[in-house]
PDB file of N, CA and C in Angstrom:
ATOM      1  N   MET A   1      54.165 -46.874-141.098  1.00  0.00           N
ATOM      2  CA  MET A   1      54.649 -48.235-141.236  1.00  0.00           C
ATOM      3  C   MET A   1      53.515 -49.187-140.873  1.00  0.00           C
ATOM      4  N   SER A   2      53.330 -50.190-141.713  1.00  0.00           N
ATOM      5  CA  SER A   2      52.287 -51.181-141.452  1.00  0.00           C
ATOM      6  C   SER A   2      52.732 -52.148-140.360  1.00  0.00           C
ATOM      7  N   ALA A   3      51.770 -52.896-139.854  1.00  0.00           N
ATOM      8  CA  ALA A   3      52.083 -53.881-138.814  1.00  0.00           C
ATOM      9  C   ALA A   3      53.057 -54.934-139.340  1.00  0.00           C
ATOM     10  N   VAL A   4      52.859 -55.352-140.584  1.00  0.00           N
ATOM     11  CA  VAL A   4      53.755 -56.349-141.182  1.00  0.00           C
ATOM     12  C   VAL A   4      55.158 -55.774-141.322  1.00  0.00           C
ATOM     13  N   GLY A   5      55.251 -54.523-141.767  1.00  0.00           N
ATOM     14  CA  GLY A   5      56.554 -53.867-141.885  1.00  0.00           C
ATOM     15  C   GLY A   5      57.234 -53.745-140.541  1.00  0.00           C
ATOM     16  N   PHE A   6      56.459 -53.424-139.517  1.00  0.00           N
ATOM     17  CA  PHE A   6      57.014 -53.307-138.166  1.00  0.00           C
ATOM     18  C   PHE A   6      57.551 -54.649-137.682  1.00  0.00           C
ATOM     19  N   ILE A   7      56.790 -55.705-137.888  1.00  0.00           N
ATOM     20  CA  ILE A   7      57.220 -57.040-137.451  1.00  0.00           C
ATOM     21  C   ILE A   7      58.480 -57.465-138.193  1.00  0.00           C
ATOM     22  N   ASP A   8      58.520 -57.215-139.505  1.00  0.00           N
ATOM     23  CA  ASP A   8      59.719 -57.558-140.276  1.00  0.00           C
ATOM     24  C   ASP A   8      60.923 -56.766-139.793  1.00  0.00           C
ATOM     25  N   ALA A   9      60.732 -55.476-139.514  1.00  0.00           N
ATOM     26  CA  ALA A   9      61.827 -54.635-139.016  1.00  0.00           C
ATOM     27  C   ALA A   9      62.292 -55.129-137.653  1.00  0.00           C
ATOM     28  N   LYS A  10      61.346 -55.505-136.806  1.00  0.00           N
ATOM     29  CA  LYS A  10      61.694 -56.008-135.471  1.00  0.00           C
ATOM     30  C   LYS A  10      62.547 -57.270-135.573  1.00  0.00           C
ATOM     31  N   LYS A  11      62.152 -58.198-136.443  1.00  0.00           N
ATOM     32  CA  LYS A  11      62.924 -59.436-136.618  1.00  0.00           C
ATOM     33  C   LYS A  11      64.332 -59.132-137.107  1.00  0.00           C
ATOM     34  N   HIS A  12      64.435 -58.230-138.072  1.00  0.00           N
ATOM     35  CA  HIS A  12      65.750 -57.870-138.608  1.00  0.00           C
ATOM     36  C   HIS A  12      66.603 -57.198-137.544  1.00  0.00           C
ATOM     37  N   LEU A  13      66.032 -56.222-136.854  1.00  0.00           N
ATOM     38  CA  LEU A  13      66.797 -55.497-135.837  1.00  0.00           C
ATOM     39  C   LEU A  13      67.189 -56.403-134.681  1.00  0.00           C
ATOM     40  N   TYR A  14      66.338 -57.336-134.318  1.00  0.00           N
ATOM     41  CA  TYR A  14      66.671 -58.268-133.237  1.00  0.00           C
ATOM     42  C   TYR A  14      67.940 -59.031-133.586  1.00  0.00           C
ATOM     43  N   ASN A  15      68.011 -59.532-134.819  1.00  0.00           N
ATOM     44  CA  ASN A  15      69.194 -60.281-135.240  1.00  0.00           C
ATOM     45  C   ASN A  15      70.430 -59.396-135.297  1.00  0.00           C
ATOM     46  N   VAL A  16      70.274 -58.146-135.727  1.00  0.00           N
ATOM     47  CA  VAL A  16      71.403 -57.213-135.772  1.00  0.00           C
ATOM     48  C   VAL A  16      71.907 -56.935-134.360  1.00  0.00           C
ATOM     49  N   VAL A  17      70.993 -56.636-133.446  1.00  0.00           N
ATOM     50  CA  VAL A  17      71.380 -56.352-132.059  1.00  0.00           C
ATOM     51  C   VAL A  17      71.985 -57.596-131.415  1.00  0.00           C
ATOM     52  N   LEU A  18      71.393 -58.746-131.649  1.00  0.00           N
ATOM     53  CA  LEU A  18      71.921 -59.990-131.089  1.00  0.00           C
ATOM     54  C   LEU A  18      73.347 -60.231-131.569  1.00  0.00           C
ATOM     55  N   GLU A  19      73.603 -59.976-132.836  1.00  0.00           N
ATOM     56  CA  GLU A  19      74.952 -60.153-133.381  1.00  0.00           C
ATOM     57  C   GLU A  19      75.935 -59.191-132.724  1.00  0.00           C
ATOM     58  N   GLU A  20      75.524 -57.937-132.536  1.00  0.00           N
ATOM     59  CA  GLU A  20      76.399 -56.949-131.899  1.00  0.00           C
ATOM     60  C   GLU A  20      76.711 -57.336-130.456  1.00  0.00           C
ATOM     61  N   VAL A  21      75.701 -57.743-129.726  1.00  0.00           N
ATOM     62  CA  VAL A  21      75.910 -58.131-128.332  1.00  0.00           C
ATOM     63  C   VAL A  21      76.726 -59.414-128.266  1.00  0.00           C
ATOM     64  N   SER A  22      76.516 -60.304-129.217  1.00  0.00           N
ATOM     65  CA  SER A  22      77.271 -61.554-129.241  1.00  0.00           C
ATOM     66  C   SER A  22      78.758 -61.299-129.432  1.00  0.00           C
ATOM     67  N   ASN A  23      79.086 -60.224-130.109  1.00  0.00           N
ATOM     68  CA  ASN A  23      80.493 -59.895-130.292  1.00  0.00           C
ATOM     69  C   ASN A  23      81.135 -59.491-128.971  1.00  0.00           C
ATOM     70  N   SER A  24      80.343 -58.906-128.070  1.00  0.00           N
ATOM     71  CA  SER A  24      80.892 -58.501-126.782  1.00  0.00           C
ATOM     72  C   SER A  24      80.700 -59.578-125.711  1.00  0.00           C
ATOM     73  N   LYS A  25      79.669 -60.376-125.845  1.00  0.00           N
ATOM     74  CA  LYS A  25      79.438 -61.508-124.943  1.00  0.00           C
ATOM     75  C   LYS A  25      79.611 -62.766-125.772  1.00  0.00           C
ATOM     76  N   LYS A  26      80.657 -63.445-125.516  1.00  0.00           N
ATOM     77  CA  LYS A  26      81.120 -64.539-126.364  1.00  0.00           C
ATOM     78  C   LYS A  26      80.044 -65.562-126.726  1.00  0.00           C
ATOM     79  N   ASN A  27      79.208 -65.954-125.796  1.00  0.00           N
ATOM     80  CA  ASN A  27      78.304 -67.072-126.032  1.00  0.00           C
ATOM     81  C   ASN A  27      76.832 -66.700-126.145  1.00  0.00           C
ATOM     82  N   LEU A  28      76.516 -65.440-126.316  1.00  0.00           N
ATOM     83  CA  LEU A  28      75.105 -65.053-126.309  1.00  0.00           C
ATOM     84  C   LEU A  28      74.308 -65.747-127.408  1.00  0.00           C
ATOM     85  N   ARG A  29      74.836 -65.799-128.603  1.00  0.00           N
ATOM     86  CA  ARG A  29      74.103 -66.444-129.694  1.00  0.00           C
ATOM     87  C   ARG A  29      73.877 -67.930-129.388  1.00  0.00           C
ATOM     88  N   GLU A  30      74.876 -68.616-128.879  1.00  0.00           N
ATOM     89  CA  GLU A  30      74.717 -70.030-128.531  1.00  0.00           C
ATOM     90  C   GLU A  30      73.710 -70.211-127.402  1.00  0.00           C
ATOM     91  N   LEU A  31      73.753 -69.319-126.419  1.00  0.00           N
ATOM     92  CA  LEU A  31      72.795 -69.398-125.318  1.00  0.00           C
ATOM     93  C   LEU A  31      71.375 -69.156-125.807  1.00  0.00           C
ATOM     94  N   GLU A  32      71.212 -68.202-126.716  1.00  0.00           N
ATOM     95  CA  GLU A  32      69.893 -67.906-127.275  1.00  0.00           C
ATOM     96  C   GLU A  32      69.369 -69.109-128.057  1.00  0.00           C
ATOM     97  N   GLU A  33      70.206 -69.710-128.867  1.00  0.00           N
ATOM     98  CA  GLU A  33      69.789 -70.883-129.631  1.00  0.00           C
ATOM     99  C   GLU A  33      69.455 -72.050-128.701  1.00  0.00           C
ATOM    100  N   TRP A  34      70.242 -72.229-127.648  1.00  0.00           N
ATOM    101  CA  TRP A  34      69.957 -73.285-126.671  1.00  0.00           C
ATOM    102  C   TRP A  34      68.603 -73.040-126.015  1.00  0.00           C
ATOM    103  N   ARG A  35      68.349 -71.790-125.606  1.00  0.00           N
ATOM    104  CA  ARG A  35      67.100 -71.453-124.920  1.00  0.00           C
ATOM    105  C   ARG A  35      65.890 -71.685-125.822  1.00  0.00           C
ATOM    106  N   ILE A  36      66.001 -71.342-127.081  1.00  0.00           N
ATOM    107  CA  ILE A  36      64.868 -71.445-127.998  1.00  0.00           C
ATOM    108  C   ILE A  36      64.683 -72.865-128.527  1.00  0.00           C
ATOM    109  N   ASN A  37      65.782 -73.555-128.829  1.00  0.00           N
ATOM    110  CA  ASN A  37      65.688 -74.849-129.504  1.00  0.00           C
ATOM    111  C   ASN A  37      65.877 -76.058-128.594  1.00  0.00           C
ATOM    112  N   GLU A  38      66.876 -76.032-127.746  1.00  0.00           N
ATOM    113  CA  GLU A  38      67.217 -77.224-126.971  1.00  0.00           C
ATOM    114  C   GLU A  38      66.441 -77.348-125.658  1.00  0.00           C
ATOM    115  N   LEU A  39      66.349 -76.268-124.913  1.00  0.00           N
ATOM    116  CA  LEU A  39      65.694 -76.333-123.600  1.00  0.00           C
ATOM    117  C   LEU A  39      64.251 -76.832-123.683  1.00  0.00           C
ATOM    118  N   PRO A  40      63.439 -76.346-124.622  1.00  0.00           N
ATOM    119  CA  PRO A  40      62.074 -76.888-124.702  1.00  0.00           C
ATOM    120  C   PRO A  40      62.044 -78.397-124.969  1.00  0.00           C
ATOM    121  N   LYS A  41      62.974 -78.885-125.785  1.00  0.00           N
ATOM    122  CA  LYS A  41      63.034 -80.328-126.058  1.00  0.00           C
ATOM    123  C   LYS A  41      63.414 -81.107-124.802  1.00  0.00           C
ATOM    124  N   ILE A  42      64.362 -80.572-124.044  1.00  0.00           N
ATOM    125  CA  ILE A  42      64.795 -81.218-122.799  1.00  0.00           C
ATOM    126  C   ILE A  42      63.627 -81.309-121.819  1.00  0.00           C
ATOM    127  N   VAL A  43      62.920 -80.202-121.657  1.00  0.00           N
ATOM    128  CA  VAL A  43      61.798 -80.157-120.716  1.00  0.00           C
ATOM    129  C   VAL A  43      60.672 -81.075-121.188  1.00  0.00           C
ATOM    130  N   GLN A  44      60.387 -81.072-122.492  1.00  0.00           N
ATOM    131  CA  GLN A  44      59.339 -81.938-123.033  1.00  0.00           C
ATOM    132  C   GLN A  44      59.673 -83.408-122.810  1.00  0.00           C
ATOM    133  N   LYS A  45      60.911 -83.788-123.076  1.00  0.00           N
ATOM    134  CA  LYS A  45      61.326 -85.183-122.880  1.00  0.00           C
ATOM    135  C   LYS A  45      61.208 -85.575-121.411  1.00  0.00           C
ATOM    136  N   ARG A  46      61.608 -84.685-120.529  1.00  0.00           N
ATOM    137  CA  ARG A  46      61.519 -84.946-119.086  1.00  0.00           C
ATOM    138  C   ARG A  46      60.053 -85.090-118.671  1.00  0.00           C
ATOM    139  N   TYR A  47      59.184 -84.241-119.220  1.00  0.00           N
ATOM    140  CA  TYR A  47      57.761 -84.268-118.882  1.00  0.00           C
ATOM    141  C   TYR A  47      57.116 -85.596-119.294  1.00  0.00           C
ATOM    142  N   GLU A  48      57.612 -86.180-120.372  1.00  0.00           N
ATOM    143  CA  GLU A  48      57.048 -87.444-120.850  1.00  0.00           C
ATOM    144  C   GLU A  48      57.360 -88.611-119.918  1.00  0.00           C
ATOM    145  N   THR A  49      58.420 -88.489-119.124  1.00  0.00           N
ATOM    146  CA  THR A  49      58.826 -89.608-118.266  1.00  0.00           C
ATOM    147  C   THR A  49      58.671 -89.340-116.775  1.00  0.00           C
ATOM    148  N   GLU A  50      58.458 -88.085-116.403  1.00  0.00           N
ATOM    149  CA  GLU A  50      58.380 -87.737-114.984  1.00  0.00           C
ATOM    150  C   GLU A  50      57.141 -86.881-114.721  1.00  0.00           C
ATOM    151  N   PRO A  51      56.561 -87.006-113.531  1.00  0.00           N
ATOM    152  CA  PRO A  51      55.325 -86.278-113.238  1.00  0.00           C
ATOM    153  C   PRO A  51      55.525 -84.785-112.951  1.00  0.00           C
ATOM    154  N   GLU A  52      56.757 -84.363-112.700  1.00  0.00           N
ATOM    155  CA  GLU A  52      56.999 -82.966-112.346  1.00  0.00           C
ATOM    156  C   GLU A  52      57.906 -82.298-113.371  1.00  0.00           C
ATOM    157  N   LEU A  53      57.671 -81.013-113.577  1.00  0.00           N
ATOM    158  CA  LEU A  53      58.552 -80.220-114.433  1.00  0.00           C
ATOM    159  C   LEU A  53      59.565 -79.501-113.566  1.00  0.00           C
ATOM    160  N   TYR A  54      60.797 -79.505-113.990  1.00  0.00           N
ATOM    161  CA  TYR A  54      61.846 -78.817-113.239  1.00  0.00           C
ATOM    162  C   TYR A  54      63.038 -78.574-114.153  1.00  0.00           C
ATOM    163  N   LEU A  55      63.911 -77.688-113.720  1.00  0.00           N
ATOM    164  CA  LEU A  55      65.194 -77.466-114.377  1.00  0.00           C
ATOM    165  C   LEU A  55      66.283 -77.978-113.455  1.00  0.00           C
ATOM    166  N   THR A  56      67.292 -78.570-114.035  1.00  0.00           N
ATOM    167  CA  THR A  56      68.435 -78.979-113.233  1.00  0.00           C
ATOM    168  C   THR A  56      69.274 -77.740-112.925  1.00  0.00           C
ATOM    169  N   LYS A  57      70.169 -77.870-111.986  1.00  0.00           N
ATOM    170  CA  LYS A  57      71.028 -76.738-111.635  1.00  0.00           C
ATOM    171  C   LYS A  57      71.848 -76.260-112.839  1.00  0.00           C
ATOM    172  N   PRO A  58      72.476 -77.145-113.620  1.00  0.00           N
ATOM    173  CA  PRO A  58      73.209 -76.666-114.805  1.00  0.00           C
ATOM    174  C   PRO A  58      72.309 -75.974-115.831  1.00  0.00           C
ATOM    175  N   GLU A  59      71.078 -76.477-116.000  1.00  0.00           N
ATOM    176  CA  GLU A  59      70.144 -75.828-116.927  1.00  0.00           C
ATOM    177  C   GLU A  59      69.764 -74.443-116.431  1.00  0.00           C
ATOM    178  N   LEU A  60      69.489 -74.336-115.148  1.00  0.00           N
ATOM    179  CA  LEU A  60      69.142 -73.040-114.570  1.00  0.00           C
ATOM    180  C   LEU A  60      70.313 -72.068-114.677  1.00  0.00           C
ATOM    181  N   LYS A  61      71.501 -72.560-114.428  1.00  0.00           N
ATOM    182  CA  LYS A  61      72.693 -71.714-114.537  1.00  0.00           C
ATOM    183  C   LYS A  61      72.859 -71.201-115.970  1.00  0.00           C
ATOM    184  N   GLN A  62      72.672 -72.076-116.935  1.00  0.00           N
ATOM    185  CA  GLN A  62      72.795 -71.660-118.331  1.00  0.00           C
ATOM    186  C   GLN A  62      71.699 -70.661-118.700  1.00  0.00           C
ATOM    187  N   LEU A  63      70.498 -70.870-118.209  1.00  0.00           N
ATOM    188  CA  LEU A  63      69.408 -69.933-118.460  1.00  0.00           C
ATOM    189  C   LEU A  63      69.701 -68.570-117.839  1.00  0.00           C
ATOM    190  N   MET A  64      70.266 -68.561-116.651  1.00  0.00           N
ATOM    191  CA  MET A  64      70.631 -67.294-116.006  1.00  0.00           C
ATOM    192  C   MET A  64      71.776 -66.612-116.749  1.00  0.00           C
ATOM    193  N   ASN A  65      72.713 -67.369-117.275  1.00  0.00           N
ATOM    194  CA  ASN A  65      73.776 -66.775-118.096  1.00  0.00           C
ATOM    195  C   ASN A  65      73.191 -66.100-119.320  1.00  0.00           C
ATOM    196  N   TRP A  66      72.178 -66.710-119.923  1.00  0.00           N
ATOM    197  CA  TRP A  66      71.510 -66.096-121.066  1.00  0.00           C
ATOM    198  C   TRP A  66      70.818 -64.801-120.637  1.00  0.00           C
ATOM    199  N   LYS A  67      70.134 -64.854-119.522  1.00  0.00           N
ATOM    200  CA  LYS A  67      69.361 -63.702-119.048  1.00  0.00           C
ATOM    201  C   LYS A  67      70.258 -62.522-118.713  1.00  0.00           C
ATOM    202  N   LEU A  68      71.406 -62.794-118.122  1.00  0.00           N
ATOM    203  CA  LEU A  68      72.303 -61.717-117.713  1.00  0.00           C
ATOM    204  C   LEU A  68      73.150 -61.270-118.873  1.00  0.00           C
TER     205      LEU A  68
END
């Protein structure tokens, strides 16, 4: 298998596994999308207005829910 084939297979399998786990964990897909799409925007916006980077308690809780 070529490197490109491996990467394509990995992307496909990741989505298949994510879908299977999402069926057993109700919000996994939403948490994954939040982590990839929303959280970076939140942190970037905060960085533009404040000198320190941090996560709020609700953000950290949601990130830990994704991790677990």
